[in-house]
C-alpha atoms as a PDB file:
ATOM      1  CA  MET A   1     -82.569 100.796  57.909  1.00  0.00           C
ATOM      2  CA  GLY A   2     -80.364 101.753  60.884  1.00  0.00           C
ATOM      3  CA  ARG A   3     -79.285 105.092  59.532  1.00  0.00           C
ATOM      4  CA  ALA A   4     -80.283 108.338  61.090  1.00  0.00           C
ATOM      5  CA  GLY A   5     -83.345 109.699  59.366  1.00  0.00           C
ATOM      6  CA  ALA A   6     -84.354 106.425  57.657  1.00  0.00           C
ATOM      7  CA  CYS A   7     -88.078 106.715  57.541  1.00  0.00           C
ATOM      8  CA  ALA A   8     -88.707 102.963  57.833  1.00  0.00           C
ATOM      9  CA  ASP A   9     -86.908 102.395  61.043  1.00  0.00           C
ATOM     10  CA  ASN A  10     -89.776 102.868  63.410  1.00  0.00           C
ATOM     11  CA  ALA A  11     -92.641 102.019  61.133  1.00  0.00           C
ATOM     12  CA  ALA A  12     -93.231  98.539  62.535  1.00  0.00           C
ATOM     13  CA  MET A  13     -93.176  99.819  66.082  1.00  0.00           C
ATOM     14  CA  GLU A  14     -95.310 102.688  65.355  1.00  0.00           C
ATOM     15  CA  SER A  15     -97.864 100.335  63.699  1.00  0.00           C
ATOM     16  CA  CYS A  16     -97.918  98.077  66.671  1.00  0.00           C
ATOM     17  CA  LEU A  17     -98.242 100.991  69.197  1.00  0.00           C
ATOM     18  CA  SER A  18    -101.099 102.413  67.098  1.00  0.00           C
ATOM     19  CA  LEU A  19    -102.952  99.140  67.223  1.00  0.00           C
ATOM     20  CA  LEU A  20    -102.413  98.778  70.923  1.00  0.00           C
ATOM     21  CA  GLN A  21    -103.761 102.303  71.509  1.00  0.00           C
ATOM     22  CA  LYS A  22    -106.818 101.808  69.319  1.00  0.00           C
ATOM     23  CA  ASN A  23    -107.653  98.279  70.516  1.00  0.00           C
ATOM     24  CA  LEU A  24    -106.890  98.160  74.226  1.00  0.00           C
ATOM     25  CA  LEU A  25    -105.830 101.700  75.702  1.00  0.00           C
ATOM     26  CA  ASP A  26    -108.647 103.682  74.409  1.00  0.00           C
ATOM     27  CA  ARG A  27    -111.309 101.135  75.557  1.00  0.00           C
ATOM     28  CA  GLY A  28    -110.420 100.737  79.287  1.00  0.00           C
ATOM     29  CA  SER A  29    -109.017 101.861  82.478  1.00  0.00           C
ATOM     30  CA  TRP A  30    -106.974 100.102  85.102  1.00  0.00           C
ATOM     31  CA  ALA A  31    -106.647 100.638  88.789  1.00  0.00           C
ATOM     32  CA  THR A  32    -103.067  99.706  88.946  1.00  0.00           C
ATOM     33  CA  ARG A  33     -99.935  99.536  86.667  1.00  0.00           C
ATOM     34  CA  LEU A  34     -99.845  95.837  87.237  1.00  0.00           C
ATOM     35  CA  GLU A  35    -103.398  95.472  85.797  1.00  0.00           C
ATOM     36  CA  LEU A  36    -102.273  97.607  82.756  1.00  0.00           C
ATOM     37  CA  ARG A  37     -99.240  95.614  82.290  1.00  0.00           C
ATOM     38  CA  LEU A  38    -101.054  92.289  82.389  1.00  0.00           C
ATOM     39  CA  ALA A  39    -103.653  93.737  79.919  1.00  0.00           C
ATOM     40  CA  ILE A  40    -100.989  94.694  77.386  1.00  0.00           C
ATOM     41  CA  VAL A  41     -99.167  91.355  77.667  1.00  0.00           C
ATOM     42  CA  ARG A  42    -102.462  89.572  77.258  1.00  0.00           C
ATOM     43  CA  TRP A  43    -103.324  91.734  74.217  1.00  0.00           C
ATOM     44  CA  LEU A  44     -99.878  91.099  72.538  1.00  0.00           C
ATOM     45  CA  GLU A  45    -100.057  87.281  73.222  1.00  0.00           C
ATOM     46  CA  LYS A  46    -103.698  86.491  72.486  1.00  0.00           C
ATOM     47  CA  ILE A  47    -104.539  89.062  69.659  1.00  0.00           C
ATOM     48  CA  TYR A  48    -101.601  90.748  68.259  1.00  0.00           C
ATOM     49  CA  HIS A  49     -99.187  87.769  67.777  1.00  0.00           C
ATOM     50  CA  ARG A  50    -101.860  85.351  66.571  1.00  0.00           C
ATOM     51  CA  LYS A  51    -103.550  87.682  63.979  1.00  0.00           C
ATOM     52  CA  ARG A  52    -100.725  89.893  62.485  1.00  0.00           C
ATOM     53  CA  ARG A  53     -99.293  88.795  59.430  1.00  0.00           C
ATOM     54  CA  ARG A  54     -95.598  89.545  58.348  1.00  0.00           C
ATOM     55  CA  GLY A  55     -92.943  88.821  55.867  1.00  0.00           C
ATOM     56  CA  ARG A  56     -93.209  87.309  52.446  1.00  0.00           C
ATOM     57  CA  GLY A  57     -94.805  84.113  53.653  1.00  0.00           C
ATOM     58  CA  LYS A  58     -97.657  86.111  55.295  1.00  0.00           C
ATOM     59  CA  LEU A  59     -97.598  83.945  58.365  1.00  0.00           C
ATOM     60  CA  THR A  60     -98.398  85.053  61.854  1.00  0.00           C
ATOM     61  CA  PRO A  61     -95.560  84.643  64.407  1.00  0.00           C
ATOM     62  CA  VAL A  62     -97.383  81.735  66.056  1.00  0.00           C
ATOM     63  CA  GLU A  63     -97.854  79.955  62.587  1.00  0.00           C
ATOM     64  CA  PHE A  64     -94.201  80.631  61.769  1.00  0.00           C
ATOM     65  CA  GLU A  65     -92.995  79.165  65.182  1.00  0.00           C
ATOM     66  CA  THR A  66     -95.196  76.075  64.696  1.00  0.00           C
ATOM     67  CA  MET A  67     -93.827  75.546  61.255  1.00  0.00           C
ATOM     68  CA  ILE A  68     -90.190  75.796  62.416  1.00  0.00           C
ATOM     69  CA  ILE A  69     -90.847  73.479  65.384  1.00  0.00           C
ATOM     70  CA  ASN A  70     -92.385  70.918  63.102  1.00  0.00           C
ATOM     71  CA  ALA A  71     -89.617  71.104  60.637  1.00  0.00           C
ATOM     72  CA  VAL A  72     -86.882  70.668  63.322  1.00  0.00           C
ATOM     73  CA  ALA A  73     -88.586  67.940  65.307  1.00  0.00           C
ATOM     74  CA  PRO A  74     -88.020  65.213  62.680  1.00  0.00           C
ATOM     75  CA  ALA A  75     -84.440  66.149  62.263  1.00  0.00           C
ATOM     76  CA  ALA A  76     -83.687  65.727  65.957  1.00  0.00           C
END
């Protein structure tokens, strides 16, 4: 990754944008850019980050963050 022409460079972002398009943008309309921005942030935080699995452990970002916080707390 990182080289010009590497096919996997944009795959993760394209996957995210595709899901955003299908699950949010194609299903509604917004009166202002601020409403659209809030809808996108809400979708990312409430849906995408809580359900999407990644990495070898297949944890969602929220599950991974909780695991790290719980592992670090006793050490502190």
